[in-house]
Amino acid sequence: MPDDIIVIKNKFTDRWGKYFPGVELPLVFFYTDNRTIAEATPKAEEWRCLIADLGRARRGFPLLFDIDSIGCGGGKRYLGFDSPAQPGFEHFLSCGIPGKIDGIRYKKTPELVKAQMELQKPFEAPAKYIVFKRWDKLENSDKPLAVIFFAIPDVIAALFSLANFDEVDPNTVITPTGSGCSQIVYFPYQELLSGKNRAVLGMFDLSARPYVSADILTLAIPWPKFTGMIENMDESFLITDGWEKIKKRL
């Protein structure tokens, strides 16, 4: 990385406080084989949504997960720890099977689910654990892959605009269909691997939304894109009277 992590950390923290006073800091995620660098999440004994677990990370407690501590099959898949979908998943996500599987009806048919799954190829996590840390908990040895904001629409709109500040492509921010965890890990990680580094707007998963406030969305930004956004903050719309009007209501 071109700059020391702590230099980047401090630069963003200063600018975030200036332009977004009092607004929640983002999370970062990265993979590691070092089990001791964050609090290990207990083994999941029952279904549990990753977005619910991340509430603790958002409060400032770094969390470490492995395949056993993720309490949802989708979470295991979209964080790179397990690739097979649960049997009957295509029916679960669509109209179900009477008397056997209750469908949540996010897709019209099982065939549509299967086709979508083909487009979302599983990947293998590059290390045994994934760590989520709030920005202020970053250490120099950390190697963030993406930055995740849980934020209200005014903040999301500003980040969206900042992501587009130095881009020609109107699709610098994408909104792929998927689970809440796929929109904060799987898709931004795929963007990083592809070199496109587009930001991912999310938290449209109706099953995950009960675990965030009603006014919260997510924006997950690959690390190389995010460091460029930090550099652009002081010459962007954030220094204008237009932003001052919005900042007053944050």
Protein backbone atom coordinates (compact mmCIF):
# COMPACT_ATOMS: atom_id res chain seq x y z
CA MET A 1 0.00 0.00 0.00
CA PRO A 2 1.36 3.42 -0.91
CA ASP A 3 0.77 5.00 2.50
CA ASP A 4 1.14 3.83 6.05
CA ILE A 5 -2.21 2.57 7.37
CA ILE A 6 -2.04 4.89 10.36
CA VAL A 7 -1.39 7.88 8.09
CA ILE A 8 -4.47 6.97 6.04
CA LYS A 9 -6.47 6.31 9.21
CA ASN A 10 -5.66 9.69 10.70
CA LYS A 11 -6.18 11.58 7.45
CA PHE A 12 -9.67 10.16 6.98
CA THR A 13 -10.58 10.54 10.65
CA ASP A 14 -9.71 14.25 10.54
CA ARG A 15 -11.65 14.87 7.33
CA TRP A 16 -14.62 12.77 8.40
CA GLY A 17 -14.90 14.76 11.61
CA LYS A 18 -14.72 18.00 9.63
CA TYR A 19 -17.32 17.19 6.98
CA PHE A 20 -19.46 14.60 8.82
CA PRO A 21 -19.35 15.67 12.48
CA GLY A 22 -20.77 13.08 14.85
CA VAL A 23 -21.53 10.56 12.08
CA GLU A 24 -20.74 6.88 12.69
CA LEU A 25 -17.33 5.72 11.50
CA PRO A 26 -17.20 2.92 8.91
CA LEU A 27 -16.01 -0.65 9.32
CA VAL A 28 -13.25 -2.34 7.37
CA PHE A 29 -12.84 -6.03 6.68
CA PHE A 30 -9.85 -8.20 5.88
CA TYR A 31 -8.83 -11.86 6.01
CA THR A 32 -6.13 -13.29 8.26
CA ASP A 33 -4.75 -16.52 9.67
CA ASN A 34 -3.98 -14.81 12.99
CA ARG A 35 -6.74 -15.73 15.43
CA THR A 36 -5.50 -13.38 18.16
CA ILE A 37 -5.98 -9.99 16.51
CA ALA A 38 -9.69 -9.62 17.32
CA GLU A 39 -12.40 -11.05 19.54
CA ALA A 40 -13.41 -14.48 18.23
CA THR A 41 -17.14 -14.76 17.67
CA PRO A 42 -18.59 -17.84 19.44
CA LYS A 43 -19.58 -20.88 17.43
CA ALA A 44 -23.06 -20.41 16.00
CA GLU A 45 -25.45 -22.88 17.60
CA GLU A 46 -28.48 -21.60 15.69
CA TRP A 47 -29.35 -19.34 12.75
CA ARG A 48 -27.91 -15.88 13.21
CA CYS A 49 -27.60 -12.99 10.74
CA LEU A 50 -24.12 -11.57 10.18
CA ILE A 51 -25.59 -8.06 10.02
CA ALA A 52 -26.88 -8.52 13.57
CA ASP A 53 -23.44 -9.66 14.72
CA LEU A 54 -21.81 -6.62 13.15
CA GLY A 55 -23.71 -4.35 15.51
CA ARG A 56 -20.97 -5.10 18.03
CA ALA A 57 -18.22 -4.21 15.54
CA ARG A 58 -20.03 -0.96 14.78
CA ARG A 59 -19.88 -0.14 18.50
CA GLY A 60 -16.09 -0.46 18.41
CA PHE A 61 -15.37 -4.10 19.23
CA PRO A 62 -13.26 -5.81 16.51
CA LEU A 63 -14.74 -9.18 15.59
CA LEU A 64 -13.22 -12.29 14.04
CA PHE A 65 -15.28 -14.96 12.27
CA ASP A 66 -14.54 -18.38 10.83
CA ILE A 67 -16.77 -20.92 9.15
CA ASP A 68 -18.15 -22.16 12.48
CA SER A 69 -19.07 -18.76 13.92
CA ILE A 70 -21.17 -17.60 10.97
CA GLY A 71 -24.74 -18.60 11.72
CA CYS A 72 -26.19 -18.44 8.21
CA GLY A 73 -25.51 -20.54 5.13
CA GLY A 74 -25.57 -17.48 2.92
CA GLY A 75 -23.08 -15.76 5.21
CA LYS A 76 -20.69 -18.71 4.96
CA ARG A 77 -20.97 -18.66 1.16
CA TYR A 78 -20.66 -14.92 0.64
CA LEU A 79 -17.71 -14.57 3.00
CA GLY A 80 -15.88 -17.33 1.16
CA PHE A 81 -16.01 -20.12 3.72
CA ASP A 82 -18.50 -22.53 2.17
CA SER A 83 -19.80 -22.75 -1.38
CA PRO A 84 -22.75 -25.20 -1.56
CA ALA A 85 -26.18 -23.65 -1.13
CA GLN A 86 -28.49 -25.42 1.30
CA PRO A 87 -30.74 -28.07 -0.29
CA GLY A 88 -33.91 -26.52 -1.62
CA PHE A 89 -32.50 -22.99 -1.45
CA GLU A 90 -33.98 -22.12 -4.83
CA HIS A 91 -37.43 -22.94 -3.43
CA PHE A 92 -36.80 -21.11 -0.16
CA LEU A 93 -35.86 -17.90 -1.98
CA SER A 94 -38.89 -18.16 -4.30
CA CYS A 95 -42.33 -19.66 -3.75
CA GLY A 96 -41.44 -22.60 -1.50
CA ILE A 97 -42.79 -26.16 -1.56
CA PRO A 98 -46.21 -26.57 0.09
CA GLY A 99 -45.91 -28.53 3.31
CA LYS A 100 -42.10 -28.71 3.11
CA ILE A 101 -40.41 -25.34 2.60
CA ASP A 102 -41.79 -21.89 3.32
CA GLY A 103 -40.76 -19.57 0.50
CA ILE A 104 -39.79 -15.97 1.24
CA ARG A 105 -40.76 -14.96 -2.32
CA TYR A 106 -37.82 -12.73 -3.21
CA LYS A 107 -37.73 -14.37 -6.66
CA LYS A 108 -40.64 -15.42 -8.85
CA THR A 109 -39.42 -18.94 -9.65
CA PRO A 110 -36.78 -21.44 -8.48
CA GLU A 111 -35.30 -21.30 -11.97
CA LEU A 112 -34.58 -17.59 -11.56
CA VAL A 113 -32.80 -18.31 -8.29
CA LYS A 114 -30.63 -20.97 -9.91
CA ALA A 115 -29.76 -18.67 -12.79
CA GLN A 116 -28.81 -15.88 -10.40
CA MET A 117 -26.65 -18.25 -8.34
CA GLU A 118 -24.76 -19.14 -11.51
CA LEU A 119 -23.84 -15.48 -11.90
CA GLN A 120 -22.65 -15.25 -8.29
CA LYS A 121 -19.81 -17.76 -8.31
CA PRO A 122 -18.52 -18.76 -4.88
CA PHE A 123 -14.97 -17.90 -3.91
CA GLU A 124 -12.54 -19.35 -1.40
CA ALA A 125 -11.57 -17.07 1.47
CA PRO A 126 -7.84 -16.26 1.22
CA ALA A 127 -7.31 -17.02 4.91
CA LYS A 128 -8.98 -18.89 7.77
CA TYR A 129 -10.63 -15.87 9.40
CA ILE A 130 -12.37 -12.66 8.42
CA VAL A 131 -12.06 -9.62 10.68
CA PHE A 132 -14.37 -6.62 10.92
CA LYS A 133 -13.02 -3.50 12.65
CA ARG A 134 -14.35 -0.03 13.12
CA TRP A 135 -12.14 2.57 11.45
CA ASP A 136 -10.71 3.96 14.69
CA LYS A 137 -9.51 0.49 15.70
CA LEU A 138 -7.26 0.06 12.64
CA GLU A 139 -3.65 -0.91 13.33
CA ASN A 140 -0.63 -0.64 11.08
CA SER A 141 -0.47 -4.41 10.58
CA ASP A 142 -4.05 -4.53 9.24
CA LYS A 143 -4.63 -4.95 5.52
CA PRO A 144 -8.15 -3.67 4.76
CA LEU A 145 -9.83 -4.92 1.60
CA ALA A 146 -12.91 -2.70 1.72
CA VAL A 147 -14.58 -0.04 3.84
CA ILE A 148 -18.23 -0.43 4.89
CA PHE A 149 -20.47 2.48 5.81
CA PHE A 150 -23.76 1.98 7.65
CA ALA A 151 -25.36 5.36 7.14
CA ILE A 152 -28.45 7.49 6.60
CA PRO A 153 -29.41 8.63 3.06
CA ASP A 154 -27.77 12.08 3.36
CA VAL A 155 -24.43 10.46 4.16
CA ILE A 156 -24.86 7.75 1.53
CA ALA A 157 -25.66 10.46 -1.04
CA ALA A 158 -22.46 12.32 -0.16
CA LEU A 159 -20.35 9.16 -0.39
CA PHE A 160 -22.03 8.29 -3.68
CA SER A 161 -21.15 11.72 -5.04
CA LEU A 162 -17.59 11.47 -3.76
CA ALA A 163 -17.17 8.06 -5.40
CA ASN A 164 -18.22 9.62 -8.71
CA PHE A 165 -16.16 12.81 -8.28
CA ASP A 166 -13.22 11.68 -10.44
CA GLU A 167 -15.02 9.16 -12.65
CA VAL A 168 -16.58 9.25 -16.13
CA ASP A 169 -18.42 5.92 -15.84
CA PRO A 170 -21.96 6.54 -14.53
CA ASN A 171 -21.88 3.09 -12.91
CA THR A 172 -19.10 3.76 -10.44
CA VAL A 173 -21.56 2.71 -7.72
CA ILE A 174 -23.47 -0.52 -8.32
CA THR A 175 -26.45 -2.14 -6.58
CA PRO A 176 -26.34 -5.89 -7.23
CA THR A 177 -29.16 -8.06 -5.94
CA GLY A 178 -28.12 -10.19 -3.01
CA SER A 179 -28.06 -10.74 0.71
CA GLY A 180 -27.00 -8.02 3.11
CA CYS A 181 -23.66 -9.75 3.71
CA SER A 182 -23.03 -10.22 -0.01
CA GLN A 183 -23.45 -6.48 -0.55
CA ILE A 184 -20.84 -5.61 2.08
CA VAL A 185 -18.30 -8.43 1.50
CA TYR A 186 -18.84 -10.61 -1.58
CA PHE A 187 -19.50 -7.93 -4.19
CA PRO A 188 -16.93 -5.36 -3.01
CA TYR A 189 -14.34 -8.14 -2.77
CA GLN A 190 -15.14 -9.25 -6.33
CA GLU A 191 -14.82 -5.62 -7.44
CA LEU A 192 -11.40 -5.49 -5.79
CA LEU A 193 -10.26 -8.72 -7.44
CA SER A 194 -11.48 -7.55 -10.86
CA GLY A 195 -9.66 -4.23 -10.58
CA LYS A 196 -12.86 -2.31 -11.27
CA ASN A 197 -13.13 -1.19 -7.64
CA ARG A 198 -16.71 0.04 -7.91
CA ALA A 199 -18.54 0.88 -4.70
CA VAL A 200 -21.52 -1.30 -3.72
CA LEU A 201 -24.75 0.18 -2.40
CA GLY A 202 -26.66 -2.23 -0.20
CA MET A 203 -28.83 -3.24 2.73
CA PHE A 204 -31.81 -3.98 0.51
CA ASP A 205 -32.08 -7.54 1.83
CA LEU A 206 -35.44 -7.63 3.60
CA SER A 207 -34.23 -10.47 5.84
CA ALA A 208 -31.30 -8.36 7.08
CA ARG A 209 -33.10 -5.05 7.45
CA PRO A 210 -34.58 -5.84 10.89
CA TYR A 211 -31.01 -5.75 12.23
CA VAL A 212 -30.36 -2.12 11.26
CA SER A 213 -32.32 1.07 11.91
CA ALA A 214 -35.09 1.89 9.45
CA ASP A 215 -33.09 4.77 7.96
CA ILE A 216 -29.81 2.87 7.36
CA LEU A 217 -28.29 1.72 4.07
CA THR A 218 -24.76 0.48 3.38
CA LEU A 219 -22.05 1.52 0.98
CA ALA A 220 -19.05 -0.80 0.71
CA ILE A 221 -16.00 0.57 -1.09
CA PRO A 222 -12.91 -1.39 -2.19
CA TRP A 223 -9.77 -0.11 -0.47
CA PRO A 224 -8.00 1.37 -3.53
CA LYS A 225 -11.11 3.33 -4.47
CA PHE A 226 -11.62 4.53 -0.92
CA THR A 227 -8.09 5.88 -0.49
CA GLY A 228 -8.63 7.95 -3.63
CA MET A 229 -11.89 9.27 -2.21
CA ILE A 230 -10.06 10.43 0.91
CA GLU A 231 -7.62 12.41 -1.21
CA ASN A 232 -10.50 14.08 -3.06
CA MET A 233 -12.47 15.21 -0.03
CA ASP A 234 -10.83 18.62 0.38
CA GLU A 235 -11.46 19.69 -3.21
CA SER A 236 -14.93 18.22 -3.67
CA PHE A 237 -18.48 19.48 -3.03
CA LEU A 238 -17.77 18.95 0.67
CA ILE A 239 -16.19 22.42 0.84
CA THR A 240 -19.25 24.16 -0.67
CA ASP A 241 -22.21 25.99 0.84
CA GLY A 242 -24.45 23.34 -0.71
CA TRP A 243 -22.94 20.67 1.51
CA GLU A 244 -23.07 22.95 4.56
CA LYS A 245 -26.86 23.04 4.26
CA ILE A 246 -27.06 19.25 4.38
CA LYS A 247 -24.37 18.90 7.04
CA LYS A 248 -26.48 20.91 9.48
CA ARG A 249 -29.13 18.18 9.57
CA LEU A 250 -26.81 15.18 9.98
